[in-house]
Amino acid sequence: MTTRLHRRIAVLALVAGPLLLMTSLPAAAGATDAALSAAVESALSASMGNEAKDLSATVHNSDVTLHGWTQRPHQEAKARAVASQVAGVGNVYSRIRVFSSRD
């Protein structure tokens, strides 16, 4: 009886395994990345206000890359910190450039 039960469980695992694997894969990774990008940009705007107007975020597989310009180095550091606190963010990379306008 136990051998028969084990066979049924094994067959069920073989049949259901690939189906379970397929359902655990992200169905729309692009949509999730787009939503995460919007969440990061919203968090930057809420936290940094006008300082975030020249910043944007792209997301690929939960990894965020920040783009744009800031006027001070601490603003770039703050943008990285804010982005890293958004739920769902993996790594944060910065392509932010710092400029100054000395007249």
PDB file of N, CA and C in Angstrom:
ATOM      1  N   MET A   1       0.819  -1.193   0.000  1.00  0.00           N
ATOM      2  CA  MET A   1       0.000   0.000   0.000  1.00  0.00           C
ATOM      3  C   MET A   1       0.868   1.264   0.000  1.00  0.00           C
ATOM      4  N   THR A   2       1.905   1.290   0.798  1.00  0.00           N
ATOM      5  CA  THR A   2       2.762   2.476   0.858  1.00  0.00           C
ATOM      6  C   THR A   2       3.508   2.694  -0.448  1.00  0.00           C
ATOM      7  N   THR A   3       3.942   1.631  -1.081  1.00  0.00           N
ATOM      8  CA  THR A   3       4.638   1.755  -2.358  1.00  0.00           C
ATOM      9  C   THR A   3       3.703   2.340  -3.406  1.00  0.00           C
ATOM     10  N   ARG A   4       2.477   1.907  -3.386  1.00  0.00           N
ATOM     11  CA  ARG A   4       1.489   2.432  -4.332  1.00  0.00           C
ATOM     12  C   ARG A   4       1.246   3.919  -4.100  1.00  0.00           C
ATOM     13  N   LEU A   5       1.164   4.314  -2.857  1.00  0.00           N
ATOM     14  CA  LEU A   5       0.976   5.722  -2.508  1.00  0.00           C
ATOM     15  C   LEU A   5       2.189   6.543  -2.943  1.00  0.00           C
ATOM     16  N   HIS A   6       3.373   6.008  -2.720  1.00  0.00           N
ATOM     17  CA  HIS A   6       4.595   6.706  -3.124  1.00  0.00           C
ATOM     18  C   HIS A   6       4.652   6.890  -4.639  1.00  0.00           C
ATOM     19  N   ARG A   7       4.197   5.881  -5.376  1.00  0.00           N
ATOM     20  CA  ARG A   7       4.173   6.000  -6.834  1.00  0.00           C
ATOM     21  C   ARG A   7       3.208   7.099  -7.272  1.00  0.00           C
ATOM     22  N   ARG A   8       2.039   7.137  -6.636  1.00  0.00           N
ATOM     23  CA  ARG A   8       1.067   8.172  -6.988  1.00  0.00           C
ATOM     24  C   ARG A   8       1.613   9.563  -6.684  1.00  0.00           C
ATOM     25  N   ILE A   9       2.272   9.702  -5.567  1.00  0.00           N
ATOM     26  CA  ILE A   9       2.864  10.995  -5.202  1.00  0.00           C
ATOM     27  C   ILE A   9       3.961  11.360  -6.205  1.00  0.00           C
ATOM     28  N   ALA A  10       4.763  10.392  -6.600  1.00  0.00           N
ATOM     29  CA  ALA A  10       5.838  10.640  -7.561  1.00  0.00           C
ATOM     30  C   ALA A  10       5.269  11.068  -8.911  1.00  0.00           C
ATOM     31  N   VAL A  11       4.198  10.377  -9.349  1.00  0.00           N
ATOM     32  CA  VAL A  11       3.580  10.737 -10.623  1.00  0.00           C
ATOM     33  C   VAL A  11       2.977  12.130 -10.541  1.00  0.00           C
ATOM     34  N   LEU A  12       2.312  12.414  -9.439  1.00  0.00           N
ATOM     35  CA  LEU A  12       1.726  13.736  -9.238  1.00  0.00           C
ATOM     36  C   LEU A  12       2.813  14.814  -9.254  1.00  0.00           C
ATOM     37  N   ALA A  13       3.923  14.540  -8.613  1.00  0.00           N
ATOM     38  CA  ALA A  13       5.028  15.509  -8.590  1.00  0.00           C
ATOM     39  C   ALA A  13       5.595  15.728  -9.987  1.00  0.00           C
ATOM     40  N   LEU A  14       5.707  14.648 -10.762  1.00  0.00           N
ATOM     41  CA  LEU A  14       6.222  14.784 -12.121  1.00  0.00           C
ATOM     42  C   LEU A  14       5.283  15.588 -13.010  1.00  0.00           C
ATOM     43  N   VAL A  15       3.987  15.387 -12.820  1.00  0.00           N
ATOM     44  CA  VAL A  15       3.008  16.096 -13.633  1.00  0.00           C
ATOM     45  C   VAL A  15       2.853  17.540 -13.159  1.00  0.00           C
ATOM     46  N   ALA A  16       2.748  17.731 -11.869  1.00  0.00           N
ATOM     47  CA  ALA A  16       2.472  19.065 -11.325  1.00  0.00           C
ATOM     48  C   ALA A  16       3.724  19.926 -11.219  1.00  0.00           C
ATOM     49  N   GLY A  17       4.886  19.314 -11.116  1.00  0.00           N
ATOM     50  CA  GLY A  17       6.128  20.071 -10.944  1.00  0.00           C
ATOM     51  C   GLY A  17       6.335  21.160 -11.984  1.00  0.00           C
ATOM     52  N   PRO A  18       6.296  20.815 -13.279  1.00  0.00           N
ATOM     53  CA  PRO A  18       6.470  21.857 -14.306  1.00  0.00           C
ATOM     54  C   PRO A  18       5.377  22.922 -14.258  1.00  0.00           C
ATOM     55  N   LEU A  19       4.153  22.513 -13.909  1.00  0.00           N
ATOM     56  CA  LEU A  19       3.070  23.500 -13.813  1.00  0.00           C
ATOM     57  C   LEU A  19       3.314  24.458 -12.662  1.00  0.00           C
ATOM     58  N   LEU A  20       3.774  23.936 -11.551  1.00  0.00           N
ATOM     59  CA  LEU A  20       4.076  24.799 -10.412  1.00  0.00           C
ATOM     60  C   LEU A  20       5.228  25.732 -10.737  1.00  0.00           C
ATOM     61  N   LEU A  21       6.217  25.225 -11.438  1.00  0.00           N
ATOM     62  CA  LEU A  21       7.357  26.047 -11.834  1.00  0.00           C
ATOM     63  C   LEU A  21       6.915  27.167 -12.757  1.00  0.00           C
ATOM     64  N   MET A  22       6.024  26.862 -13.695  1.00  0.00           N
ATOM     65  CA  MET A  22       5.553  27.881 -14.631  1.00  0.00           C
ATOM     66  C   MET A  22       4.753  28.964 -13.917  1.00  0.00           C
ATOM     67  N   THR A  23       3.994  28.607 -12.892  1.00  0.00           N
ATOM     68  CA  THR A  23       3.198  29.613 -12.199  1.00  0.00           C
ATOM     69  C   THR A  23       4.059  30.453 -11.265  1.00  0.00           C
ATOM     70  N   SER A  24       5.238  29.954 -10.891  1.00  0.00           N
ATOM     71  CA  SER A  24       6.081  30.743 -10.007  1.00  0.00           C
ATOM     72  C   SER A  24       6.939  31.749 -10.767  1.00  0.00           C
ATOM     73  N   LEU A  25       7.007  31.604 -12.088  1.00  0.00           N
ATOM     74  CA  LEU A  25       7.745  32.581 -12.882  1.00  0.00           C
ATOM     75  C   LEU A  25       6.917  33.841 -13.027  1.00  0.00           C
ATOM     76  N   PRO A  26       7.555  35.019 -13.057  1.00  0.00           N
ATOM     77  CA  PRO A  26       6.782  36.243 -13.222  1.00  0.00           C
ATOM     78  C   PRO A  26       6.081  36.265 -14.574  1.00  0.00           C
ATOM     79  N   ALA A  27       4.782  36.445 -14.555  1.00  0.00           N
ATOM     80  CA  ALA A  27       3.999  36.425 -15.783  1.00  0.00           C
ATOM     81  C   ALA A  27       4.278  37.647 -16.637  1.00  0.00           C
ATOM     82  N   ALA A  28       4.463  38.776 -15.993  1.00  0.00           N
ATOM     83  CA  ALA A  28       4.687  40.010 -16.738  1.00  0.00           C
ATOM     84  C   ALA A  28       5.801  40.791 -16.063  1.00  0.00           C
ATOM     85  N   ALA A  29       7.019  40.332 -16.231  1.00  0.00           N
ATOM     86  CA  ALA A  29       8.159  40.981 -15.583  1.00  0.00           C
ATOM     87  C   ALA A  29       8.280  42.429 -16.018  1.00  0.00           C
ATOM     88  N   GLY A  30       7.966  42.707 -17.283  1.00  0.00           N
ATOM     89  CA  GLY A  30       8.035  44.078 -17.771  1.00  0.00           C
ATOM     90  C   GLY A  30       7.072  44.985 -17.037  1.00  0.00           C
ATOM     91  N   ALA A  31       5.865  44.487 -16.778  1.00  0.00           N
ATOM     92  CA  ALA A  31       4.872  45.283 -16.057  1.00  0.00           C
ATOM     93  C   ALA A  31       5.323  45.519 -14.623  1.00  0.00           C
ATOM     94  N   THR A  32       5.899  44.497 -14.005  1.00  0.00           N
ATOM     95  CA  THR A  32       6.389  44.639 -12.642  1.00  0.00           C
ATOM     96  C   THR A  32       7.533  45.642 -12.596  1.00  0.00           C
ATOM     97  N   ASP A  33       8.452  45.555 -13.542  1.00  0.00           N
ATOM     98  CA  ASP A  33       9.562  46.503 -13.606  1.00  0.00           C
ATOM     99  C   ASP A  33       9.057  47.924 -13.823  1.00  0.00           C
ATOM    100  N   ALA A  34       8.044  48.082 -14.669  1.00  0.00           N
ATOM    101  CA  ALA A  34       7.482  49.409 -14.923  1.00  0.00           C
ATOM    102  C   ALA A  34       6.834  49.969 -13.665  1.00  0.00           C
ATOM    103  N   ALA A  35       6.120  49.125 -12.936  1.00  0.00           N
ATOM    104  CA  ALA A  35       5.486  49.569 -11.691  1.00  0.00           C
ATOM    105  C   ALA A  35       6.539  49.939 -10.654  1.00  0.00           C
ATOM    106  N   LEU A  36       7.603  49.156 -10.581  1.00  0.00           N
ATOM    107  CA  LEU A  36       8.674  49.446  -9.633  1.00  0.00           C
ATOM    108  C   LEU A  36       9.395  50.732 -10.007  1.00  0.00           C
ATOM    109  N   SER A  37       9.602  50.959 -11.289  1.00  0.00           N
ATOM    110  CA  SER A  37      10.216  52.201 -11.752  1.00  0.00           C
ATOM    111  C   SER A  37       9.371  53.403 -11.343  1.00  0.00           C
ATOM    112  N   ALA A  38       8.067  53.296 -11.527  1.00  0.00           N
ATOM    113  CA  ALA A  38       7.164  54.381 -11.143  1.00  0.00           C
ATOM    114  C   ALA A  38       7.187  54.597  -9.633  1.00  0.00           C
ATOM    115  N   ALA A  39       7.265  53.515  -8.865  1.00  0.00           N
ATOM    116  CA  ALA A  39       7.310  53.630  -7.404  1.00  0.00           C
ATOM    117  C   ALA A  39       8.590  54.315  -6.943  1.00  0.00           C
ATOM    118  N   VAL A  40       9.711  53.973  -7.580  1.00  0.00           N
ATOM    119  CA  VAL A  40      10.995  54.600  -7.218  1.00  0.00           C
ATOM    120  C   VAL A  40      10.957  56.087  -7.554  1.00  0.00           C
ATOM    121  N   GLU A  41      10.479  56.427  -8.743  1.00  0.00           N
ATOM    122  CA  GLU A  41      10.419  57.839  -9.134  1.00  0.00           C
ATOM    123  C   GLU A  41       9.475  58.617  -8.230  1.00  0.00           C
ATOM    124  N   SER A  42       8.379  58.003  -7.817  1.00  0.00           N
ATOM    125  CA  SER A  42       7.449  58.647  -6.892  1.00  0.00           C
ATOM    126  C   SER A  42       8.104  58.870  -5.534  1.00  0.00           C
ATOM    127  N   ALA A  43       8.848  57.873  -5.051  1.00  0.00           N
ATOM    128  CA  ALA A  43       9.545  58.004  -3.771  1.00  0.00           C
ATOM    129  C   ALA A  43      10.614  59.089  -3.835  1.00  0.00           C
ATOM    130  N   LEU A  44      11.322  59.165  -4.957  1.00  0.00           N
ATOM    131  CA  LEU A  44      12.332  60.220  -5.121  1.00  0.00           C
ATOM    132  C   LEU A  44      11.680  61.597  -5.072  1.00  0.00           C
ATOM    133  N   SER A  45      10.580  61.742  -5.776  1.00  0.00           N
ATOM    134  CA  SER A  45       9.877  63.020  -5.817  1.00  0.00           C
ATOM    135  C   SER A  45       9.335  63.395  -4.441  1.00  0.00           C
ATOM    136  N   ALA A  46       8.752  62.415  -3.750  1.00  0.00           N
ATOM    137  CA  ALA A  46       8.188  62.680  -2.422  1.00  0.00           C
ATOM    138  C   ALA A  46       9.268  63.029  -1.409  1.00  0.00           C
ATOM    139  N   SER A  47      10.399  62.370  -1.492  1.00  0.00           N
ATOM    140  CA  SER A  47      11.466  62.573  -0.517  1.00  0.00           C
ATOM    141  C   SER A  47      12.353  63.771  -0.835  1.00  0.00           C
ATOM    142  N   MET A  48      12.603  64.009  -2.121  1.00  0.00           N
ATOM    143  CA  MET A  48      13.572  65.029  -2.500  1.00  0.00           C
ATOM    144  C   MET A  48      12.936  66.275  -3.110  1.00  0.00           C
ATOM    145  N   GLY A  49      11.662  66.196  -3.425  1.00  0.00           N
ATOM    146  CA  GLY A  49      10.975  67.349  -3.991  1.00  0.00           C
ATOM    147  C   GLY A  49      11.592  67.806  -5.300  1.00  0.00           C
ATOM    148  N   ASN A  50      11.834  69.093  -5.412  1.00  0.00           N
ATOM    149  CA  ASN A  50      12.372  69.693  -6.631  1.00  0.00           C
ATOM    150  C   ASN A  50      13.772  69.187  -6.981  1.00  0.00           C
ATOM    151  N   GLU A  51      14.493  68.685  -5.980  1.00  0.00           N
ATOM    152  CA  GLU A  51      15.841  68.153  -6.234  1.00  0.00           C
ATOM    153  C   GLU A  51      15.798  66.909  -7.126  1.00  0.00           C
ATOM    154  N   ALA A  52      14.635  66.259  -7.228  1.00  0.00           N
ATOM    155  CA  ALA A  52      14.511  65.028  -8.014  1.00  0.00           C
ATOM    156  C   ALA A  52      13.969  65.273  -9.415  1.00  0.00           C
ATOM    157  N   LYS A  53      13.770  66.541  -9.782  1.00  0.00           N
ATOM    158  CA  LYS A  53      13.124  66.827 -11.070  1.00  0.00           C
ATOM    159  C   LYS A  53      13.925  66.340 -12.271  1.00  0.00           C
ATOM    160  N   ASP A  54      15.243  66.226 -12.153  1.00  0.00           N
ATOM    161  CA  ASP A  54      16.081  65.777 -13.267  1.00  0.00           C
ATOM    162  C   ASP A  54      16.526  64.325 -13.118  1.00  0.00           C
ATOM    163  N   LEU A  55      15.831  63.577 -12.261  1.00  0.00           N
ATOM    164  CA  LEU A  55      16.193  62.180 -12.033  1.00  0.00           C
ATOM    165  C   LEU A  55      15.128  61.248 -12.595  1.00  0.00           C
ATOM    166  N   SER A  56      15.563  60.088 -13.060  1.00  0.00           N
ATOM    167  CA  SER A  56      14.641  59.052 -13.511  1.00  0.00           C
ATOM    168  C   SER A  56      15.213  57.699 -13.097  1.00  0.00           C
ATOM    169  N   ALA A  57      14.377  56.675 -13.182  1.00  0.00           N
ATOM    170  CA  ALA A  57      14.799  55.328 -12.795  1.00  0.00           C
ATOM    171  C   ALA A  57      14.371  54.332 -13.848  1.00  0.00           C
ATOM    172  N   THR A  58      15.271  53.427 -14.171  1.00  0.00           N
ATOM    173  CA  THR A  58      14.918  52.282 -15.007  1.00  0.00           C
ATOM    174  C   THR A  58      15.108  51.033 -14.154  1.00  0.00           C
ATOM    175  N   VAL A  59      14.306  50.015 -14.447  1.00  0.00           N
ATOM    176  CA  VAL A  59      14.353  48.790 -13.651  1.00  0.00           C
ATOM    177  C   VAL A  59      14.437  47.586 -14.578  1.00  0.00           C
ATOM    178  N   HIS A  60      15.300  46.665 -14.220  1.00  0.00           N
ATOM    179  CA  HIS A  60      15.395  45.388 -14.939  1.00  0.00           C
ATOM    180  C   HIS A  60      15.562  44.292 -13.896  1.00  0.00           C
ATOM    181  N   ASN A  61      14.587  43.397 -13.832  1.00  0.00           N
ATOM    182  CA  ASN A  61      14.617  42.294 -12.861  1.00  0.00           C
ATOM    183  C   ASN A  61      14.843  42.795 -11.435  1.00  0.00           C
ATOM    184  N   SER A  62      14.138  43.833 -11.055  1.00  0.00           N
ATOM    185  CA  SER A  62      14.165  44.437  -9.713  1.00  0.00           C
ATOM    186  C   SER A  62      15.431  45.236  -9.413  1.00  0.00           C
ATOM    187  N   ASP A  63      16.366  45.299 -10.343  1.00  0.00           N
ATOM    188  CA  ASP A  63      17.557  46.125 -10.148  1.00  0.00           C
ATOM    189  C   ASP A  63      17.294  47.501 -10.739  1.00  0.00           C
ATOM    190  N   VAL A  64      17.521  48.523  -9.944  1.00  0.00           N
ATOM    191  CA  VAL A  64      17.209  49.907 -10.323  1.00  0.00           C
ATOM    192  C   VAL A  64      18.477  50.621 -10.755  1.00  0.00           C
ATOM    193  N   THR A  65      18.385  51.343 -11.862  1.00  0.00           N
ATOM    194  CA  THR A  65      19.465  52.233 -12.284  1.00  0.00           C
ATOM    195  C   THR A  65      18.897  53.644 -12.304  1.00  0.00           C
ATOM    196  N   LEU A  66      19.543  54.522 -11.552  1.00  0.00           N
ATOM    197  CA  LEU A  66      19.129  55.924 -11.499  1.00  0.00           C
ATOM    198  C   LEU A  66      19.895  56.707 -12.555  1.00  0.00           C
ATOM    199  N   HIS A  67      19.203  57.616 -13.223  1.00  0.00           N
ATOM    200  CA  HIS A  67      19.793  58.434 -14.279  1.00  0.00           C
ATOM    201  C   HIS A  67      19.473  59.903 -13.992  1.00  0.00           C
ATOM    202  N   GLY A  68      20.314  60.780 -14.496  1.00  0.00           N
ATOM    203  CA  GLY A  68      20.009  62.203 -14.427  1.00  0.00           C
ATOM    204  C   GLY A  68      21.146  63.023 -13.854  1.00  0.00           C
ATOM    205  N   TRP A  69      20.747  64.211 -13.367  1.00  0.00           N
ATOM    206  CA  TRP A  69      21.704  65.195 -12.880  1.00  0.00           C
ATOM    207  C   TRP A  69      21.276  65.721 -11.521  1.00  0.00           C
ATOM    208  N   THR A  70      22.260  65.996 -10.666  1.00  0.00           N
ATOM    209  CA  THR A  70      22.006  66.701  -9.403  1.00  0.00           C
ATOM    210  C   THR A  70      23.030  67.821  -9.279  1.00  0.00           C
ATOM    211  N   GLN A  71      22.753  68.726  -8.365  1.00  0.00           N
ATOM    212  CA  GLN A  71      23.675  69.839  -8.164  1.00  0.00           C
ATOM    213  C   GLN A  71      24.702  69.575  -7.073  1.00  0.00           C
ATOM    214  N   ARG A  72      24.432  68.608  -6.214  1.00  0.00           N
ATOM    215  CA  ARG A  72      25.331  68.332  -5.098  1.00  0.00           C
ATOM    216  C   ARG A  72      25.527  66.822  -4.937  1.00  0.00           C
ATOM    217  N   PRO A  73      26.719  66.407  -4.498  1.00  0.00           N
ATOM    218  CA  PRO A  73      26.976  64.972  -4.291  1.00  0.00           C
ATOM    219  C   PRO A  73      26.024  64.326  -3.280  1.00  0.00           C
ATOM    220  N   HIS A  74      25.638  65.066  -2.237  1.00  0.00           N
ATOM    221  CA  HIS A  74      24.752  64.468  -1.229  1.00  0.00           C
ATOM    222  C   HIS A  74      23.368  64.158  -1.811  1.00  0.00           C
ATOM    223  N   GLN A  75      22.967  64.862  -2.855  1.00  0.00           N
ATOM    224  CA  GLN A  75      21.680  64.577  -3.485  1.00  0.00           C
ATOM    225  C   GLN A  75      21.721  63.231  -4.217  1.00  0.00           C
ATOM    226  N   GLU A  76      22.852  62.923  -4.817  1.00  0.00           N
ATOM    227  CA  GLU A  76      23.014  61.627  -5.483  1.00  0.00           C
ATOM    228  C   GLU A  76      22.972  60.509  -4.447  1.00  0.00           C
ATOM    229  N   ALA A  77      23.644  60.707  -3.320  1.00  0.00           N
ATOM    230  CA  ALA A  77      23.644  59.704  -2.249  1.00  0.00           C
ATOM    231  C   ALA A  77      22.236  59.524  -1.680  1.00  0.00           C
ATOM    232  N   LYS A  78      21.528  60.621  -1.519  1.00  0.00           N
ATOM    233  CA  LYS A  78      20.159  60.543  -0.998  1.00  0.00           C
ATOM    234  C   LYS A  78      19.254  59.799  -1.975  1.00  0.00           C
ATOM    235  N   ALA A  79      19.408  60.042  -3.266  1.00  0.00           N
ATOM    236  CA  ALA A  79      18.601  59.357  -4.271  1.00  0.00           C
ATOM    237  C   ALA A  79      18.837  57.850  -4.208  1.00  0.00           C
ATOM    238  N   ARG A  80      20.094  57.430  -4.059  1.00  0.00           N
ATOM    239  CA  ARG A  80      20.395  56.003  -3.941  1.00  0.00           C
ATOM    240  C   ARG A  80      19.751  55.411  -2.696  1.00  0.00           C
ATOM    241  N   ALA A  81      19.833  56.152  -1.585  1.00  0.00           N
ATOM    242  CA  ALA A  81      19.260  55.670  -0.322  1.00  0.00           C
ATOM    243  C   ALA A  81      17.743  55.545  -0.420  1.00  0.00           C
ATOM    244  N   VAL A  82      17.098  56.549  -1.001  1.00  0.00           N
ATOM    245  CA  VAL A  82      15.638  56.519  -1.151  1.00  0.00           C
ATOM    246  C   VAL A  82      15.219  55.350  -2.038  1.00  0.00           C
ATOM    247  N   ALA A  83      15.886  55.174  -3.162  1.00  0.00           N
ATOM    248  CA  ALA A  83      15.542  54.088  -4.085  1.00  0.00           C
ATOM    249  C   ALA A  83      15.716  52.724  -3.426  1.00  0.00           C
ATOM    250  N   SER A  84      16.747  52.573  -2.619  1.00  0.00           N
ATOM    251  CA  SER A  84      17.003  51.271  -1.994  1.00  0.00           C
ATOM    252  C   SER A  84      15.955  50.916  -0.948  1.00  0.00           C
ATOM    253  N   GLN A  85      15.207  51.905  -0.458  1.00  0.00           N
ATOM    254  CA  GLN A  85      14.185  51.653   0.559  1.00  0.00           C
ATOM    255  C   GLN A  85      12.826  51.284  -0.034  1.00  0.00           C
ATOM    256  N   VAL A  86      12.665  51.393  -1.339  1.00  0.00           N
ATOM    257  CA  VAL A  86      11.390  51.061  -1.976  1.00  0.00           C
ATOM    258  C   VAL A  86      11.223  49.544  -1.982  1.00  0.00           C
ATOM    259  N   ALA A  87      10.052  49.085  -1.572  1.00  0.00           N
ATOM    260  CA  ALA A  87       9.774  47.645  -1.512  1.00  0.00           C
ATOM    261  C   ALA A  87       9.912  47.007  -2.888  1.00  0.00           C
ATOM    262  N   GLY A  88      10.634  45.912  -2.945  1.00  0.00           N
ATOM    263  CA  GLY A  88      10.800  45.181  -4.200  1.00  0.00           C
ATOM    264  C   GLY A  88      12.084  45.482  -4.939  1.00  0.00           C
ATOM    265  N   VAL A  89      12.820  46.489  -4.482  1.00  0.00           N
ATOM    266  CA  VAL A  89      14.069  46.872  -5.152  1.00  0.00           C
ATOM    267  C   VAL A  89      15.182  45.922  -4.737  1.00  0.00           C
ATOM    268  N   GLY A  90      15.905  45.428  -5.736  1.00  0.00           N
ATOM    269  CA  GLY A  90      17.069  44.580  -5.471  1.00  0.00           C
ATOM    270  C   GLY A  90      18.294  45.461  -5.255  1.00  0.00           C
ATOM    271  N   ASN A  91      19.079  45.629  -6.286  1.00  0.00           N
ATOM    272  CA  ASN A  91      20.270  46.482  -6.236  1.00  0.00           C
ATOM    273  C   ASN A  91      19.942  47.850  -6.815  1.00  0.00           C
ATOM    274  N   VAL A  92      20.696  48.849  -6.375  1.00  0.00           N
ATOM    275  CA  VAL A  92      20.539  50.202  -6.916  1.00  0.00           C
ATOM    276  C   VAL A  92      21.872  50.623  -7.511  1.00  0.00           C
ATOM    277  N   TYR A  93      21.827  51.002  -8.777  1.00  0.00           N
ATOM    278  CA  TYR A  93      23.005  51.502  -9.478  1.00  0.00           C
ATOM    279  C   TYR A  93      22.757  52.954  -9.836  1.00  0.00           C
ATOM    280  N   SER A  94      23.803  53.745  -9.826  1.00  0.00           N
ATOM    281  CA  SER A  94      23.647  55.163 -10.106  1.00  0.00           C
ATOM    282  C   SER A  94      24.442  55.576 -11.336  1.00  0.00           C
ATOM    283  N   ARG A  95      23.744  56.222 -12.244  1.00  0.00           N
ATOM    284  CA  ARG A  95      24.379  56.878 -13.389  1.00  0.00           C
ATOM    285  C   ARG A  95      24.099  58.373 -13.300  1.00  0.00           C
ATOM    286  N   ILE A  96      23.891  58.819 -12.068  1.00  0.00           N
ATOM    287  CA  ILE A  96      23.605  60.235 -11.820  1.00  0.00           C
ATOM    288  C   ILE A  96      24.910  61.022 -11.925  1.00  0.00           C
ATOM    289  N   ARG A  97      24.851  62.134 -12.607  1.00  0.00           N
ATOM    290  CA  ARG A  97      26.002  63.030 -12.746  1.00  0.00           C
ATOM    291  C   ARG A  97      25.763  64.256 -11.861  1.00  0.00           C
ATOM    292  N   VAL A  98      26.841  64.700 -11.240  1.00  0.00           N
ATOM    293  CA  VAL A  98      26.762  65.886 -10.371  1.00  0.00           C
ATOM    294  C   VAL A  98      27.381  67.054 -11.133  1.00  0.00           C
ATOM    295  N   PHE A  99      26.649  68.158 -11.177  1.00  0.00           N
ATOM    296  CA  PHE A  99      27.191  69.345 -11.829  1.00  0.00           C
ATOM    297  C   PHE A  99      27.092  70.527 -10.870  1.00  0.00           C
ATOM    298  N   SER A 100      27.885  71.506 -11.136  1.00  0.00           N
ATOM    299  CA  SER A 100      27.792  72.740 -10.354  1.00  0.00           C
ATOM    300  C   SER A 100      27.841  73.920 -11.318  1.00  0.00           C
ATOM    301  N   SER A 101      27.166  74.964 -10.938  1.00  0.00           N
ATOM    302  CA  SER A 101      27.167  76.165 -11.784  1.00  0.00           C
ATOM    303  C   SER A 101      27.814  77.291 -10.987  1.00  0.00           C
ATOM    304  N   ARG A 102      29.084  77.421 -11.152  1.00  0.00           N
ATOM    305  CA  ARG A 102      29.824  78.473 -10.466  1.00  0.00           C
ATOM    306  C   ARG A 102      29.968  79.650 -11.415  1.00  0.00           C
ATOM    307  N   ASP A 103      29.371  80.730 -11.043  1.00  0.00           N
ATOM    308  CA  ASP A 103      29.466  81.940 -11.894  1.00  0.00           C
ATOM    309  C   ASP A 103      30.521  82.891 -11.410  1.00  0.00           C
TER     310      ASP A 103
END
